PDB file of N, CA and C in Angstrom:
ATOM      1  N   LYS A   1     101.559 108.899 128.177  1.00  0.00           N
ATOM      2  CA  LYS A   1     101.034 108.495 127.601  1.00  0.00           C
ATOM      3  C   LYS A   1     100.857 109.182 126.047  1.00  0.00           C
ATOM      4  N   ALA A   2     101.246 108.728 125.025  1.00  0.00           N
ATOM      5  CA  ALA A   2     100.808 108.863 123.880  1.00  0.00           C
ATOM      6  C   ALA A   2      99.488 108.519 123.126  1.00  0.00           C
ATOM      7  N   LEU A   3      98.516 108.878 122.486  1.00  0.00           N
ATOM      8  CA  LEU A   3      97.415 108.968 122.437  1.00  0.00           C
ATOM      9  C   LEU A   3      97.507 108.033 120.732  1.00  0.00           C
ATOM     10  N   GLN A   4      97.312 107.329 120.679  1.00  0.00           N
ATOM     11  CA  GLN A   4      96.934 106.741 119.172  1.00  0.00           C
ATOM     12  C   GLN A   4      95.744 107.338 118.744  1.00  0.00           C
ATOM     13  N   THR A   5      95.468 107.292 117.131  1.00  0.00           N
ATOM     14  CA  THR A   5      94.576 107.659 116.633  1.00  0.00           C
ATOM     15  C   THR A   5      94.550 106.817 115.370  1.00  0.00           C
ATOM     16  N   THR A   6      93.882 106.512 115.116  1.00  0.00           N
ATOM     17  CA  THR A   6      93.306 105.810 113.831  1.00  0.00           C
ATOM     18  C   THR A   6      93.161 106.678 112.715  1.00  0.00           C
ATOM     19  N   LYS A   7      93.438 106.026 111.291  1.00  0.00           N
ATOM     20  CA  LYS A   7      93.179 107.293 110.446  1.00  0.00           C
ATOM     21  C   LYS A   7      91.823 106.670 109.479  1.00  0.00           C
ATOM     22  N   LYS A   8      90.923 107.345 109.059  1.00  0.00           N
ATOM     23  CA  LYS A   8      89.648 106.822 108.437  1.00  0.00           C
ATOM     24  C   LYS A   8      90.541 106.369 107.171  1.00  0.00           C
ATOM     25  N   PRO A   9      89.335 105.370 106.164  1.00  0.00           N
ATOM     26  CA  PRO A   9      90.269 105.160 104.947  1.00  0.00           C
ATOM     27  C   PRO A   9      89.568 106.368 104.197  1.00  0.00           C
ATOM     28  N   ASP A  10      90.734 106.981 103.405  1.00  0.00           N
ATOM     29  CA  ASP A  10      90.464 107.748 102.392  1.00  0.00           C
ATOM     30  C   ASP A  10      89.587 107.331 101.024  1.00  0.00           C
ATOM     31  N   LYS A  11      88.230 107.984  99.901  1.00  0.00           N
ATOM     32  CA  LYS A  11      88.051 108.097  98.965  1.00  0.00           C
ATOM     33  C   LYS A  11      89.056 107.650  98.026  1.00  0.00           C
ATOM     34  N   LEU A  12      88.702 106.668  97.073  1.00  0.00           N
ATOM     35  CA  LEU A  12      89.683 106.628  96.213  1.00  0.00           C
ATOM     36  C   LEU A  12      89.360 107.739  94.757  1.00  0.00           C
ATOM     37  N   VAL A  13      90.300 108.417  94.236  1.00  0.00           N
ATOM     38  CA  VAL A  13      89.726 109.260  93.177  1.00  0.00           C
ATOM     39  C   VAL A  13      90.058 108.595  92.087  1.00  0.00           C
ATOM     40  N   ILE A  14      89.533 108.273  90.607  1.00  0.00           N
ATOM     41  CA  ILE A  14      89.878 107.255  89.326  1.00  0.00           C
ATOM     42  C   ILE A  14      89.136 108.756  88.596  1.00  0.00           C
ATOM     43  N   LYS A  15      90.361 108.706  88.017  1.00  0.00           N
ATOM     44  CA  LYS A  15      89.904 109.922  87.048  1.00  0.00           C
ATOM     45  C   LYS A  15      90.934 109.274  85.826  1.00  0.00           C
ATOM     46  N   ASP A  16      89.732 109.340  84.655  1.00  0.00           N
ATOM     47  CA  ASP A  16      89.997 109.027  83.140  1.00  0.00           C
ATOM     48  C   ASP A  16      90.889 107.915  83.596  1.00  0.00           C
ATOM     49  N   GLY A  17      90.445 106.853  84.093  1.00  0.00           N
ATOM     50  CA  GLY A  17      90.714 105.459  84.017  1.00  0.00           C
ATOM     51  C   GLY A  17      91.972 105.168  85.118  1.00  0.00           C
ATOM     52  N   TRP A  18      92.581 106.210  85.660  1.00  0.00           N
ATOM     53  CA  TRP A  18      93.366 105.854  86.472  1.00  0.00           C
ATOM     54  C   TRP A  18      93.383 106.478  87.789  1.00  0.00           C
ATOM     55  N   LEU A  19      93.673 105.447  88.777  1.00  0.00           N
ATOM     56  CA  LEU A  19      93.809 105.403  90.336  1.00  0.00           C
ATOM     57  C   LEU A  19      94.583 106.885  90.818  1.00  0.00           C
ATOM     58  N   MET A  20      94.451 107.936  91.018  1.00  0.00           N
ATOM     59  CA  MET A  20      95.161 109.203  91.357  1.00  0.00           C
ATOM     60  C   MET A  20      95.406 108.738  93.250  1.00  0.00           C
ATOM     61  N   CYS A  21      96.745 109.567  93.153  1.00  0.00           N
ATOM     62  CA  CYS A  21      97.360 109.255  94.257  1.00  0.00           C
ATOM     63  C   CYS A  21      96.036 109.942  95.655  1.00  0.00           C
ATOM     64  N   PRO A  22      96.164 109.264  96.829  1.00  0.00           N
ATOM     65  CA  PRO A  22      95.375 109.869  97.841  1.00  0.00           C
ATOM     66  C   PRO A  22      95.637 110.594  98.340  1.00  0.00           C
ATOM     67  N   SER A  23      97.284 110.759  98.405  1.00  0.00           N
ATOM     68  CA  SER A  23      97.664 111.886  99.365  1.00  0.00           C
ATOM     69  C   SER A  23      98.026 112.976  98.777  1.00  0.00           C
ATOM     70  N   CYS A  24      98.454 113.307  97.895  1.00  0.00           N
ATOM     71  CA  CYS A  24      98.848 114.540  97.030  1.00  0.00           C
ATOM     72  C   CYS A  24      97.694 114.651  95.535  1.00  0.00           C
ATOM     73  N   GLY A  25      96.933 113.997  95.152  1.00  0.00           N
ATOM     74  CA  GLY A  25      95.848 114.101  94.187  1.00  0.00           C
ATOM     75  C   GLY A  25      96.093 114.106  92.871  1.00  0.00           C
ATOM     76  N   LYS A  26      98.083 114.284  92.591  1.00  0.00           N
ATOM     77  CA  LYS A  26      98.286 114.750  91.370  1.00  0.00           C
ATOM     78  C   LYS A  26      98.828 113.858  90.442  1.00  0.00           C
ATOM     79  N   GLN A  27      99.225 112.838  91.121  1.00  0.00           N
ATOM     80  CA  GLN A  27      99.707 111.604  90.077  1.00  0.00           C
ATOM     81  C   GLN A  27      98.914 110.499  89.969  1.00  0.00           C
ATOM     82  N   ARG A  28      99.384 109.850  88.734  1.00  0.00           N
ATOM     83  CA  ARG A  28      98.610 108.659  88.449  1.00  0.00           C
ATOM     84  C   ARG A  28      99.484 107.486  88.716  1.00  0.00           C
ATOM     85  N   VAL A  29      98.945 106.791  89.659  1.00  0.00           N
ATOM     86  CA  VAL A  29      99.742 105.729  90.351  1.00  0.00           C
ATOM     87  C   VAL A  29      99.009 104.589  89.709  1.00  0.00           C
ATOM     88  N   LEU A  30      97.925 104.296  89.091  1.00  0.00           N
ATOM     89  CA  LEU A  30      97.536 102.678  88.495  1.00  0.00           C
ATOM     90  C   LEU A  30      96.187 102.667  87.527  1.00  0.00           C
ATOM     91  N   ARG A  31      96.929 102.061  86.369  1.00  0.00           N
ATOM     92  CA  ARG A  31      95.415 101.888  85.442  1.00  0.00           C
ATOM     93  C   ARG A  31      94.356 100.844  86.080  1.00  0.00           C
ATOM     94  N   ILE A  32      92.893 101.673  86.408  1.00  0.00           N
ATOM     95  CA  ILE A  32      92.037 101.112  86.506  1.00  0.00           C
ATOM     96  C   ILE A  32      91.175 100.568  85.426  1.00  0.00           C
ATOM     97  N   TYR A  33      90.337  99.503  85.103  1.00  0.00           N
ATOM     98  CA  TYR A  33      89.528  98.918  84.632  1.00  0.00           C
ATOM     99  C   TYR A  33      88.315  98.353  85.153  1.00  0.00           C
ATOM    100  N   PRO A  34      86.919  98.487  84.406  1.00  0.00           N
ATOM    101  CA  PRO A  34      86.049  98.628  85.197  1.00  0.00           C
ATOM    102  C   PRO A  34      85.836  97.347  85.826  1.00  0.00           C
ATOM    103  N   GLU A  35      86.435  96.179  85.395  1.00  0.00           N
ATOM    104  CA  GLU A  35      86.307  94.994  85.955  1.00  0.00           C
ATOM    105  C   GLU A  35      87.709  94.490  86.978  1.00  0.00           C
ATOM    106  N   THR A  36      88.399  95.558  87.227  1.00  0.00           N
ATOM    107  CA  THR A  36      89.841  95.537  88.276  1.00  0.00           C
ATOM    108  C   THR A  36      89.066  95.119  89.468  1.00  0.00           C
ATOM    109  N   ARG A  37      89.600  94.214  90.043  1.00  0.00           N
ATOM    110  CA  ARG A  37      89.452  94.101  91.572  1.00  0.00           C
ATOM    111  C   ARG A  37      90.871  93.743  92.034  1.00  0.00           C
ATOM    112  N   ALA A  38      90.969  94.444  93.280  1.00  0.00           N
ATOM    113  CA  ALA A  38      92.119  94.225  94.456  1.00  0.00           C
ATOM    114  C   ALA A  38      91.999  94.249  95.602  1.00  0.00           C
ATOM    115  N   LYS A  39      92.647  93.758  96.589  1.00  0.00           N
ATOM    116  CA  LYS A  39      92.638  93.560  97.796  1.00  0.00           C
ATOM    117  C   LYS A  39      93.913  93.685  98.211  1.00  0.00           C
ATOM    118  N   CYS A  40      94.061  94.450  99.304  1.00  0.00           N
ATOM    119  CA  CYS A  40      95.424  94.781  99.516  1.00  0.00           C
ATOM    120  C   CYS A  40      96.358  95.298  99.101  1.00  0.00           C
ATOM    121  N   LEU A  41      96.591  95.964  97.514  1.00  0.00           N
ATOM    122  CA  LEU A  41      97.366  96.086  96.987  1.00  0.00           C
ATOM    123  C   LEU A  41      97.901  97.291  97.284  1.00  0.00           C
ATOM    124  N   GLN A  42      99.265  97.078  97.190  1.00  0.00           N
ATOM    125  CA  GLN A  42     100.448  98.385  97.803  1.00  0.00           C
ATOM    126  C   GLN A  42     100.556  98.958  96.103  1.00  0.00           C
ATOM    127  N   VAL A  43     100.631 100.403  96.695  1.00  0.00           N
ATOM    128  CA  VAL A  43     100.930 101.185  95.562  1.00  0.00           C
ATOM    129  C   VAL A  43     101.597 102.634  95.934  1.00  0.00           C
ATOM    130  N   TYR A  44     102.498 103.176  95.029  1.00  0.00           N
ATOM    131  CA  TYR A  44     103.066 104.147  95.494  1.00  0.00           C
ATOM    132  C   TYR A  44     103.477 105.121  94.662  1.00  0.00           C
ATOM    133  N   CYS A  45     103.354 106.497  94.957  1.00  0.00           N
ATOM    134  CA  CYS A  45     103.413 107.541  94.479  1.00  0.00           C
ATOM    135  C   CYS A  45     104.629 107.985  93.984  1.00  0.00           C
ATOM    136  N   LYS A  46     105.353 107.988  92.976  1.00  0.00           N
ATOM    137  CA  LYS A  46     106.846 108.860  92.584  1.00  0.00           C
ATOM    138  C   LYS A  46     106.789 110.462  93.339  1.00  0.00           C
ATOM    139  N   ARG A  47     106.008 111.334  93.160  1.00  0.00           N
ATOM    140  CA  ARG A  47     105.642 112.708  93.331  1.00  0.00           C
ATOM    141  C   ARG A  47     105.847 112.680  94.675  1.00  0.00           C
ATOM    142  N   CYS A  48     105.008 112.494  95.170  1.00  0.00           N
ATOM    143  CA  CYS A  48     105.269 112.695  96.979  1.00  0.00           C
ATOM    144  C   CYS A  48     106.028 111.837  97.748  1.00  0.00           C
ATOM    145  N   GLY A  49     105.781 110.597  97.370  1.00  0.00           N
ATOM    146  CA  GLY A  49     106.476 109.437  98.127  1.00  0.00           C
ATOM    147  C   GLY A  49     105.605 108.778  99.044  1.00  0.00           C
ATOM    148  N   HIS A  50     104.602 108.460  99.047  1.00  0.00           N
ATOM    149  CA  HIS A  50     103.591 108.050  99.867  1.00  0.00           C
ATOM    150  C   HIS A  50     103.981 106.357  98.981  1.00  0.00           C
ATOM    151  N   GLU A  51     103.447 105.622 100.193  1.00  0.00           N
ATOM    152  CA  GLU A  51     103.189 104.438  99.898  1.00  0.00           C
ATOM    153  C   GLU A  51     101.143 104.114 100.795  1.00  0.00           C
ATOM    154  N   HIS A  52     100.557 103.367  99.674  1.00  0.00           N
ATOM    155  CA  HIS A  52      99.481 102.983 100.462  1.00  0.00           C
ATOM    156  C   HIS A  52      98.797 101.974 100.016  1.00  0.00           C
ATOM    157  N   ILE A  53      98.224 101.219 100.792  1.00  0.00           N
ATOM    158  CA  ILE A  53      97.124 100.226 100.478  1.00  0.00           C
ATOM    159  C   ILE A  53      96.043  99.816  99.576  1.00  0.00           C
ATOM    160  N   VAL A  54      95.612  99.624  98.983  1.00  0.00           N
ATOM    161  CA  VAL A  54      94.467  99.820  98.487  1.00  0.00           C
ATOM    162  C   VAL A  54      93.511  98.618  98.373  1.00  0.00           C
ATOM    163  N   ASN A  55      91.808  99.068  98.920  1.00  0.00           N
ATOM    164  CA  ASN A  55      91.247  98.009  98.460  1.00  0.00           C
ATOM    165  C   ASN A  55      90.217  98.152  97.201  1.00  0.00           C
ATOM    166  N   ILE A  56      90.457  98.052  95.688  1.00  0.00           N
ATOM    167  CA  ILE A  56      89.603  98.601  94.817  1.00  0.00           C
ATOM    168  C   ILE A  56      87.884  98.132  94.827  1.00  0.00           C
ATOM    169  N   ASP A  57      88.162  96.657  95.468  1.00  0.00           N
ATOM    170  CA  ASP A  57      86.583  96.047  95.367  1.00  0.00           C
ATOM    171  C   ASP A  57      86.074  97.454  96.065  1.00  0.00           C
ATOM    172  N   GLU A  58      86.368  98.198  97.123  1.00  0.00           N
ATOM    173  CA  GLU A  58      85.336  98.824  98.610  1.00  0.00           C
ATOM    174  C   GLU A  58      85.747 100.147  97.876  1.00  0.00           C
ATOM    175  N   CYS A  59      86.542 100.273  96.901  1.00  0.00           N
ATOM    176  CA  CYS A  59      86.958 101.679  96.758  1.00  0.00           C
ATOM    177  C   CYS A  59      87.583 102.966  98.102  1.00  0.00           C
ATOM    178  N   LEU A  60      88.353 101.869  98.617  1.00  0.00           N
ATOM    179  CA  LEU A  60      88.977 102.194  99.889  1.00  0.00           C
ATOM    180  C   LEU A  60      90.293 102.316  99.922  1.00  0.00           C
ATOM    181  N   CYS A  61      91.265 103.202 101.036  1.00  0.00           N
ATOM    182  CA  CYS A  61      92.313 103.188 100.763  1.00  0.00           C
ATOM    183  C   CYS A  61      92.627 103.598 102.439  1.00  0.00           C
ATOM    184  N   GLN A  62      94.099 103.142 102.437  1.00  0.00           N
ATOM    185  CA  GLN A  62      95.047 103.204 103.825  1.00  0.00           C
ATOM    186  C   GLN A  62      95.792 103.634 103.980  1.00  0.00           C
ATOM    187  N   SER A  63      96.691 104.389 104.535  1.00  0.00           N
ATOM    188  CA  SER A  63      98.060 105.011 103.981  1.00  0.00           C
ATOM    189  C   SER A  63      98.908 103.377 105.026  1.00  0.00           C
ATOM    190  N   ALA A  64      99.754 103.090 103.964  1.00  0.00           N
ATOM    191  CA  ALA A  64     100.839 102.170 104.589  1.00  0.00           C
ATOM    192  C   ALA A  64     101.929 102.712 105.819  1.00  0.00           C
ATOM    193  N   CYS A  65     102.682 103.724 105.052  1.00  0.00           N
ATOM    194  CA  CYS A  65     104.338 104.495 105.657  1.00  0.00           C
ATOM    195  C   CYS A  65     103.924 105.928 105.241  1.00  0.00           C
ATOM    196  N   ALA A  66     104.260 106.662 105.621  1.00  0.00           N
ATOM    197  CA  ALA A  66     104.898 108.031 104.638  1.00  0.00           C
ATOM    198  C   ALA A  66     106.146 107.994 105.007  1.00  0.00           C
ATOM    199  N   THR A  67     106.775 108.644 104.088  1.00  0.00           N
ATOM    200  CA  THR A  67     108.147 108.979 103.755  1.00  0.00           C
ATOM    201  C   THR A  67     108.773 110.682 103.579  1.00  0.00           C
TER     202      THR A  67
END
């Protein structure tokens, strides 16, 4: 039997008003303003090819899939 592991949510990094990619940390994926709120928002990093589901209210991120 294969063991299933649940990945803990990563913390979001916001640098100079931009949400940085949670995987590679080098690509800006979304512009964030102080009043920005989002729940279950899908973002895609062109650099590493990962998609993430982000909750900006809680500053949490969960990986949707890796390519």
